[in-house]
Every structure is written in C-alpha cells, then in structure tokens.
Amino acid sequence: MKVVAVIPAYNESSMIADVVQKTVSFADEVVVIDDGSTDRTGEAARQAGARVYRHAINRGLGASLATGIAAAMKRGADVIVTLDADGQHDPSEIPNFVRAIEERKVDAVIGSRFLETIDMPFLRRVYNRIGNVLTYLLFGIRTTDSQSGFRAFTRHGASRLELKTNRMEVSSEFLKEIHDKRLSFCEIPCSVKYTDYSMSKGQSLGVGVSTAFKLVLRRLM
C-alpha cells in the first residue's frame, strides 16, 4: 500500500525540516501544506524531501488538512496519515497505524494519548476531556482522544470525508464524519512529546471556547 503522510504547517520553519526528515523513512511520500506562512516553512519542507502545497493566505488547520488529504488522494495514496508539524508526534509510529488498518480492517485509526500512561500538562488534559464530552454530545461518537492530530484513513475512508471547518474544530469534525458516514474505526496508543515550542502552538482557553462555539454551529448546520 502507498502511504502518504500529510503535515499541515504554519510558520514552522524551525521544526518542519526535522519532522519531514523523520517522516520520509516511514511513508512513501510526505505532503506538507504551507498554510500561508510568512517564514521559510515551505522551502525548508521541500529541501527536506516533502512535496509542498501552499495556501496564499493562512486558512487554518482544517483547511490545510482538507487540502493535504485531497493532494494525497491525487498522489495515489492507499493510506493517508496526518501528523503535526511541531515535533510532538513520533513518525516511527506510522507503521502502527498502517498495521491497525490492515489487521483490524477499519477505515480510520485515531492515535490516542490516553490508552497508555503519559505525562500531559494539566490544562491540555482538561481541554481534551472537555473536547471528548462535547464531541460525544454533539456528534454521538465516543473516543478517548478527540483532539488527536495523529490519525490515519484508508483511501475509501478519506474519500467519504466532507470537511467544512477551517480551523482547530476539525479534530472533532473528523469524528463527526466517521460517525455520520458509518466508517469503521479504532484507537491505538500513540506517544507525544511536549516541549515549550509545541505548547506554544497548541490550544489556549480562548481558542478552546472559540472551537466549542464553532462545533455547536457545525452541529446546528
């Protein structure tokens, strides 16, 4: 199977080359979406071995993932794996996602940080649990890690997705699509590496409230 890794990136010039270099060993192709960066993100990713697609303006995480998945489909992907550009995910775990798809015969695999004991900052843990509850109440799907950015889809599963949100709420929207399109899925453990840099890129209270509001609107629509 052809495995394509999709990495959305916005102003990640300090990290993206390292992430791409680590990922190319575990995927047949790496696609980076340069989401209107004002630094050298796109150039650094290309030099590291990625195929780069660029948004002219910053459109957000959801829009970048939609662009990346569409690009991976055009590139002939059989399995599409998404991961973050800030270095918190371990690309060496990509084969675990592919193996889960093959062995469990599912359309989607979500990497969960909570299936094994991890050292997660308290606020991140709180935000994630709120996201889990909200995702269940709005979309009727249970998961231990609704905000995980490490996930994989088969070509069939990816082709059924209709992502309409542009920003952070896309993590819950993936689960909504899995539920609504009746895609089979499973969770597998994944590790995570928190650094000052990755923490600066993540959720804040303000972003969390905005995300929750947009999810409610998405459900009403």
Protein backbone atom coordinates (compact mmCIF):
# COMPACT_ATOMS: atom_id res chain seq x y z
CA MET A 1 0.00 0.00 0.00
CA LYS A 2 1.13 3.51 -0.76
CA VAL A 3 1.33 5.53 2.47
CA VAL A 4 1.25 9.32 2.23
CA ALA A 5 1.87 11.46 5.31
CA VAL A 6 0.11 14.82 5.44
CA ILE A 7 1.61 17.57 7.62
CA PRO A 8 -0.17 20.94 7.93
CA ALA A 9 2.28 23.70 8.80
CA TYR A 10 2.10 27.39 9.59
CA ASN A 11 5.31 29.26 10.41
CA GLU A 12 7.14 26.07 11.36
CA SER A 13 10.49 26.80 9.71
CA SER A 14 12.41 25.90 12.87
CA MET A 15 10.91 22.39 13.09
CA ILE A 16 9.48 21.30 9.76
CA ALA A 17 12.73 20.02 8.19
CA ASP A 18 13.41 17.74 11.16
CA VAL A 19 9.82 16.45 11.15
CA VAL A 20 9.89 15.76 7.40
CA GLN A 21 13.28 14.03 7.58
CA LYS A 22 12.00 11.74 10.30
CA THR A 23 8.77 11.04 8.41
CA VAL A 24 10.19 10.16 4.99
CA SER A 25 11.56 6.90 6.37
CA PHE A 26 8.06 5.71 7.28
CA ALA A 27 5.93 6.96 4.38
CA ASP A 28 6.15 6.63 0.62
CA GLU A 29 5.54 10.36 0.25
CA VAL A 30 5.31 13.33 2.58
CA VAL A 31 2.93 16.17 1.73
CA VAL A 32 3.32 19.45 3.60
CA ILE A 33 0.66 22.14 3.41
CA ASP A 34 2.30 25.52 3.90
CA ASP A 35 -0.67 27.43 5.24
CA GLY A 36 0.30 30.94 4.18
CA SER A 37 3.47 31.00 6.28
CA THR A 38 5.47 34.20 6.45
CA ASP A 39 8.75 32.37 7.09
CA ARG A 40 10.70 29.65 5.23
CA THR A 41 8.39 26.77 6.13
CA GLY A 42 7.65 25.73 2.56
CA GLU A 43 11.24 25.98 1.38
CA ALA A 44 12.58 24.07 4.39
CA ALA A 45 9.99 21.31 3.93
CA ARG A 46 10.79 20.97 0.23
CA GLN A 47 14.52 20.77 0.84
CA ALA A 48 13.91 18.07 3.46
CA GLY A 49 12.09 15.90 0.92
CA ALA A 50 8.42 16.85 1.10
CA ARG A 51 6.04 17.72 -1.68
CA VAL A 52 4.77 21.17 -0.71
CA TYR A 53 1.40 22.73 -1.41
CA ARG A 54 0.89 26.34 -0.37
CA HIS A 55 -2.12 28.40 0.64
CA ALA A 56 -1.76 32.02 -0.42
CA ILE A 57 -3.19 33.11 2.94
CA ASN A 58 -3.46 31.46 6.33
CA ARG A 59 -6.67 29.42 6.20
CA GLY A 60 -6.32 27.29 9.31
CA LEU A 61 -5.71 23.69 10.37
CA GLY A 62 -8.94 22.29 8.97
CA ALA A 63 -8.46 23.84 5.55
CA SER A 64 -4.85 22.64 5.47
CA LEU A 65 -5.83 19.07 6.30
CA ALA A 66 -8.55 19.11 3.65
CA THR A 67 -6.03 20.34 1.08
CA GLY A 68 -3.48 17.77 2.19
CA ILE A 69 -5.90 14.85 2.06
CA ALA A 70 -7.08 15.88 -1.41
CA ALA A 71 -3.46 16.12 -2.56
CA ALA A 72 -2.63 12.70 -1.09
CA MET A 73 -5.61 11.18 -2.90
CA LYS A 74 -4.38 12.67 -6.19
CA ARG A 75 -0.94 11.23 -5.44
CA GLY A 76 -2.48 7.75 -5.34
CA ALA A 77 -2.43 7.19 -1.58
CA ASP A 78 -3.89 3.95 -0.23
CA VAL A 79 -3.38 5.13 3.35
CA ILE A 80 -3.25 8.77 4.47
CA VAL A 81 -1.64 9.59 7.81
CA THR A 82 -1.89 13.04 9.37
CA LEU A 83 0.53 14.35 11.98
CA ASP A 84 1.57 17.69 13.43
CA ALA A 85 4.47 19.85 12.30
CA ASP A 86 5.68 20.87 15.76
CA GLY A 87 7.52 17.65 16.55
CA GLN A 88 5.17 16.29 19.19
CA HIS A 89 4.33 13.15 17.20
CA ASP A 90 6.78 10.31 16.55
CA PRO A 91 6.78 9.40 12.82
CA SER A 92 8.28 5.99 13.65
CA GLU A 93 4.78 5.07 14.90
CA ILE A 94 3.26 5.44 11.41
CA PRO A 95 3.63 1.68 10.72
CA ASN A 96 1.44 1.04 13.78
CA PHE A 97 -1.40 2.91 12.08
CA VAL A 98 -0.95 1.04 8.82
CA ARG A 99 -0.84 -2.26 10.68
CA ALA A 100 -4.06 -1.44 12.53
CA ILE A 101 -5.81 -0.71 9.23
CA GLU A 102 -4.62 -3.99 7.76
CA GLU A 103 -5.25 -6.21 10.77
CA ARG A 104 -8.48 -4.69 12.08
CA LYS A 105 -9.96 -3.96 8.64
CA VAL A 106 -11.03 -0.42 9.56
CA ASP A 107 -11.41 2.77 7.55
CA ALA A 108 -9.86 5.05 10.17
CA VAL A 109 -7.40 4.88 13.05
CA ILE A 110 -7.12 7.54 15.75
CA GLY A 111 -3.93 7.81 17.77
CA SER A 112 -4.83 8.20 21.44
CA ARG A 113 -2.54 9.70 24.03
CA PHE A 114 -4.69 8.21 26.80
CA LEU A 115 -4.54 4.48 26.12
CA GLU A 116 -1.20 4.41 27.87
CA THR A 117 0.15 6.49 30.75
CA ILE A 118 1.67 9.74 29.53
CA ASP A 119 2.92 12.91 31.14
CA MET A 120 0.49 15.50 29.78
CA PRO A 121 0.26 19.10 31.03
CA PHE A 122 -2.81 19.54 33.23
CA LEU A 123 -4.56 22.12 31.06
CA ARG A 124 -4.07 20.02 27.94
CA ARG A 125 -5.69 17.08 29.73
CA VAL A 126 -8.63 19.25 30.81
CA TYR A 127 -9.14 20.69 27.32
CA ASN A 128 -9.05 17.23 25.79
CA ARG A 129 -11.62 15.80 28.19
CA ILE A 130 -13.93 18.72 27.52
CA GLY A 131 -13.44 18.06 23.81
CA ASN A 132 -14.27 14.38 24.28
CA VAL A 133 -17.52 15.19 26.09
CA LEU A 134 -18.52 17.88 23.61
CA THR A 135 -17.75 15.61 20.66
CA TYR A 136 -19.95 12.89 22.14
CA LEU A 137 -22.83 15.23 22.99
CA LEU A 138 -22.81 16.89 19.58
CA PHE A 139 -21.93 14.03 17.29
CA GLY A 140 -22.66 10.82 19.21
CA ILE A 141 -19.23 9.23 18.99
CA ARG A 142 -17.09 8.14 21.92
CA THR A 143 -13.33 8.45 21.87
CA THR A 144 -10.56 8.77 24.41
CA ASP A 145 -8.72 11.45 22.44
CA SER A 146 -10.99 13.60 20.30
CA GLN A 147 -8.31 16.25 19.76
CA SER A 148 -5.57 13.95 18.49
CA GLY A 149 -3.79 15.13 15.36
CA PHE A 150 -2.21 11.73 14.70
CA ARG A 151 -4.67 9.70 12.62
CA ALA A 152 -4.92 7.56 9.50
CA PHE A 153 -7.52 6.82 6.86
CA THR A 154 -7.83 4.33 4.07
CA ARG A 155 -8.40 5.72 0.62
CA HIS A 156 -12.05 4.70 0.91
CA GLY A 157 -12.41 6.36 4.29
CA ALA A 158 -10.72 9.57 3.16
CA SER A 159 -12.91 9.76 0.06
CA ARG A 160 -16.02 9.86 2.27
CA LEU A 161 -14.87 12.80 4.37
CA GLU A 162 -16.54 16.17 3.86
CA LEU A 163 -14.52 18.59 5.95
CA LYS A 164 -16.14 22.02 6.15
CA THR A 165 -14.46 23.60 9.16
CA ASN A 166 -11.27 25.57 8.63
CA ARG A 167 -9.59 25.67 12.00
CA MET A 168 -8.99 23.72 15.21
CA GLU A 169 -12.52 22.29 15.35
CA VAL A 170 -11.54 19.94 12.52
CA SER A 171 -10.32 17.33 15.04
CA SER A 172 -13.87 16.80 16.28
CA GLU A 173 -15.22 17.12 12.75
CA PHE A 174 -13.16 14.09 11.68
CA LEU A 175 -15.03 12.08 14.32
CA LYS A 176 -18.36 13.53 13.22
CA GLU A 177 -17.62 12.36 9.68
CA ILE A 178 -16.59 8.91 10.91
CA HIS A 179 -19.90 8.66 12.78
CA ASP A 180 -22.14 10.13 10.08
CA LYS A 181 -20.56 8.17 7.22
CA ARG A 182 -20.54 4.98 9.31
CA LEU A 183 -16.84 4.45 8.82
CA SER A 184 -15.27 1.70 10.88
CA PHE A 185 -12.53 2.95 13.20
CA CYS A 186 -10.33 2.04 16.12
CA GLU A 187 -7.97 3.77 18.51
CA ILE A 188 -4.36 2.81 19.09
CA PRO A 189 -1.87 4.21 21.59
CA CYS A 190 0.46 6.95 20.41
CA SER A 191 3.17 8.79 22.23
CA VAL A 192 3.53 12.54 22.44
CA LYS A 193 6.45 14.83 23.17
CA TYR A 194 5.63 18.14 24.80
CA THR A 195 8.14 20.95 24.59
CA ASP A 196 7.90 24.66 25.26
CA TYR A 197 7.70 25.09 21.50
CA SER A 198 4.85 22.62 20.94
CA MET A 199 2.97 24.01 23.94
CA SER A 200 3.14 27.49 22.43
CA LYS A 201 1.44 26.16 19.29
CA GLY A 202 -1.46 24.39 20.98
CA GLN A 203 -4.85 25.14 22.48
CA SER A 204 -5.49 28.06 24.82
CA LEU A 205 -8.67 28.88 26.73
CA GLY A 206 -9.68 31.44 24.12
CA VAL A 207 -9.08 29.04 21.25
CA GLY A 208 -10.93 26.30 23.12
CA VAL A 209 -14.02 28.46 23.65
CA SER A 210 -13.99 29.54 20.00
CA THR A 211 -13.60 25.92 18.90
CA ALA A 212 -16.52 24.80 21.07
CA PHE A 213 -18.74 27.56 19.68
CA LYS A 214 -17.89 26.61 16.10
CA LEU A 215 -18.61 22.93 16.82
CA VAL A 216 -22.07 23.82 18.11
CA LEU A 217 -22.71 25.85 14.96
CA ARG A 218 -21.47 22.95 12.83
CA ARG A 219 -23.92 20.60 14.51
CA LEU A 220 -26.82 23.02 14.07
CA MET A 221 -25.97 23.35 10.39
